Amino acid sequence: MPKIPTLRLLALALSVAALSLAVHGCKDSKNPASPGGGATADHVINIVANNLANSYSKSPDTVTVGQTVAWKNVVGATHTATSDASGTFDTGSIGAGATSAPITMGTAGSFPYHCSFHNSMTGILVVNP
C-alpha cells in the first residue's frame, strides 16, 4: 500500500499534467496571436493622447510573424487593445503607465483593433510573413 506522501506526489504530478494539457489544448491554429512567454516584447505600441484624443502610436504599425507585441499606456485612463475579430487578441485592461503582456503574432495579415472602453480609439496592426 503506498504511503501518504507518495499519493500526494502522484496527485500533484497528475494535476500538473492535466493543467499542461489544458493550456496546450487552448491554442487555436486560426488565432494569429497568443500570449508571449517573456516579460519584454519585440515591439511596443504606445497608447497616447493626440490632439486631446486617445490613440495608438503608431497606427498602422507593422511586425513580422513570430514577433511579440505589447501596448504601453502613456496616458491617464485605462485602455485595451482588442482585436475587431473576436478572439484574435485582447490585452485586457492596461492602466496608466502600464504595459500589456507581450502577444506573439503567429499569422500574417492586417488586424484592426480598438479600445474596448473607448470605441473611437482604433488601430491597425499589419503582420508580415
Protein backbone atom coordinates (compact mmCIF):
# COMPACT_ATOMS: atom_id res chain seq x y z
CA MET A 1 0.00 0.00 0.00
CA PRO A 2 1.50 3.42 -0.97
CA LYS A 3 2.44 5.86 1.73
CA ILE A 4 0.52 9.15 2.05
CA PRO A 5 3.42 11.33 0.75
CA THR A 6 3.62 9.10 -2.35
CA LEU A 7 -0.10 9.58 -3.01
CA ARG A 8 0.25 13.35 -2.63
CA LEU A 9 3.19 13.39 -5.03
CA LEU A 10 1.23 11.32 -7.54
CA ALA A 11 -1.79 13.64 -7.22
CA LEU A 12 0.45 16.68 -7.74
CA ALA A 13 2.06 15.13 -10.82
CA LEU A 14 -1.35 14.31 -12.31
CA SER A 15 -2.60 17.85 -11.62
CA VAL A 16 0.43 19.39 -13.34
CA ALA A 17 0.00 17.07 -16.34
CA ALA A 18 -3.72 17.91 -16.62
CA LEU A 19 -3.03 21.66 -16.42
CA SER A 20 -0.34 21.36 -19.07
CA LEU A 21 -2.72 19.55 -21.42
CA ALA A 22 -5.47 22.10 -20.78
CA VAL A 23 -3.19 25.05 -21.57
CA HIS A 24 -1.79 23.36 -24.68
CA GLY A 25 -5.30 22.47 -25.85
CA CYS A 26 -6.41 26.11 -25.73
CA LYS A 27 -4.08 27.11 -28.56
CA ASP A 28 -6.05 27.69 -31.75
CA SER A 29 -4.15 27.48 -35.03
CA LYS A 30 -6.59 30.00 -36.55
CA ASN A 31 -5.66 32.56 -33.89
CA PRO A 32 -2.85 34.83 -35.15
CA ALA A 33 -1.85 35.78 -31.62
CA SER A 34 -1.05 34.04 -28.38
CA PRO A 35 0.35 35.29 -25.06
CA GLY A 36 4.10 35.71 -25.19
CA GLY A 37 6.25 33.80 -22.74
CA GLY A 38 8.68 36.58 -21.80
CA ALA A 39 8.32 39.81 -19.88
CA THR A 40 9.54 42.01 -22.75
CA ALA A 41 8.17 42.40 -26.26
CA ASP A 42 9.94 42.71 -29.59
CA HIS A 43 7.73 45.68 -30.42
CA VAL A 44 5.78 48.17 -28.26
CA ILE A 45 2.87 50.30 -29.45
CA ASN A 46 2.15 53.35 -27.29
CA ILE A 47 -1.31 54.46 -26.24
CA VAL A 48 -1.13 58.26 -26.36
CA ALA A 49 -3.21 61.44 -26.31
CA ASN A 50 -3.14 63.02 -29.77
CA ASN A 51 -4.83 66.44 -30.08
CA LEU A 52 -6.74 65.69 -26.86
CA ALA A 53 -7.97 62.36 -28.28
CA ASN A 54 -6.64 58.97 -27.20
CA SER A 55 -4.96 56.96 -29.92
CA TYR A 56 -2.36 54.30 -30.71
CA SER A 57 1.08 55.36 -31.91
CA LYS A 58 1.90 54.34 -34.50
CA SER A 59 -1.02 53.08 -36.50
CA PRO A 60 -0.89 51.29 -38.74
CA ASP A 61 2.13 49.52 -37.31
CA THR A 62 4.00 46.58 -38.81
CA VAL A 63 5.67 43.50 -37.34
CA THR A 64 6.59 40.09 -38.74
CA VAL A 65 5.15 36.68 -37.93
CA GLY A 66 6.69 35.35 -34.72
CA GLN A 67 7.38 38.75 -33.18
CA THR A 68 5.82 39.75 -29.88
CA VAL A 69 3.85 42.96 -29.45
CA ALA A 70 2.87 44.82 -26.26
CA TRP A 71 0.90 48.01 -25.77
CA LYS A 72 2.12 50.69 -23.31
CA ASN A 73 -0.38 53.13 -21.82
CA VAL A 74 1.34 56.51 -21.52
CA VAL A 75 -1.89 58.42 -20.77
CA GLY A 76 -4.10 58.58 -17.66
CA ALA A 77 -7.19 56.49 -18.45
CA THR A 78 -7.32 52.70 -18.60
CA HIS A 79 -7.32 51.28 -22.15
CA THR A 80 -7.19 47.99 -24.06
CA ALA A 81 -6.00 46.83 -27.47
CA THR A 82 -8.78 44.46 -28.54
CA SER A 83 -8.90 42.91 -31.99
CA ASP A 84 -12.01 43.68 -34.02
CA ALA A 85 -12.13 39.97 -34.91
CA SER A 86 -13.37 38.22 -31.78
CA GLY A 87 -10.76 36.04 -30.11
CA THR A 88 -7.80 37.23 -32.19
CA PHE A 89 -6.11 39.21 -29.40
CA ASP A 90 -7.05 41.26 -26.37
CA THR A 91 -4.57 42.85 -23.99
CA GLY A 92 -7.10 43.22 -21.19
CA SER A 93 -7.10 46.43 -19.16
CA ILE A 94 -3.89 48.47 -19.26
CA GLY A 95 -3.70 51.07 -16.52
CA ALA A 96 -1.83 54.37 -16.75
CA GLY A 97 1.92 53.79 -17.08
CA ALA A 98 1.50 50.02 -17.51
CA THR A 99 2.46 47.77 -20.40
CA SER A 100 0.42 44.77 -21.52
CA ALA A 101 1.81 41.27 -21.59
CA PRO A 102 3.56 40.52 -24.89
CA ILE A 103 1.42 38.79 -27.52
CA THR A 104 3.07 36.62 -30.18
CA MET A 105 1.82 37.26 -33.70
CA GLY A 106 1.58 33.87 -35.38
CA THR A 107 -0.30 34.63 -38.61
CA ALA A 108 0.26 37.18 -41.37
CA GLY A 109 -2.49 39.66 -42.14
CA SER A 110 -3.95 43.04 -41.30
CA PHE A 111 -5.62 43.18 -37.88
CA PRO A 112 -7.80 46.19 -36.98
CA TYR A 113 -8.25 46.73 -33.24
CA HIS A 114 -9.86 49.14 -30.79
CA CYS A 115 -10.06 50.12 -27.12
CA SER A 116 -12.99 48.30 -25.51
CA PHE A 117 -13.55 51.32 -23.23
CA HIS A 118 -13.28 53.99 -25.96
CA ASN A 119 -14.76 52.79 -29.26
CA SER A 120 -13.41 55.78 -31.16
CA MET A 121 -9.84 54.61 -30.41
CA THR A 122 -8.79 52.36 -33.29
CA GLY A 123 -5.58 50.98 -34.70
CA ILE A 124 -4.28 48.53 -37.27
CA LEU A 125 -1.51 46.01 -36.80
CA VAL A 126 -0.03 44.56 -40.01
CA VAL A 127 1.77 41.24 -39.57
CA ASN A 128 4.08 40.41 -42.48
CA PRO A 129 5.23 36.85 -43.30
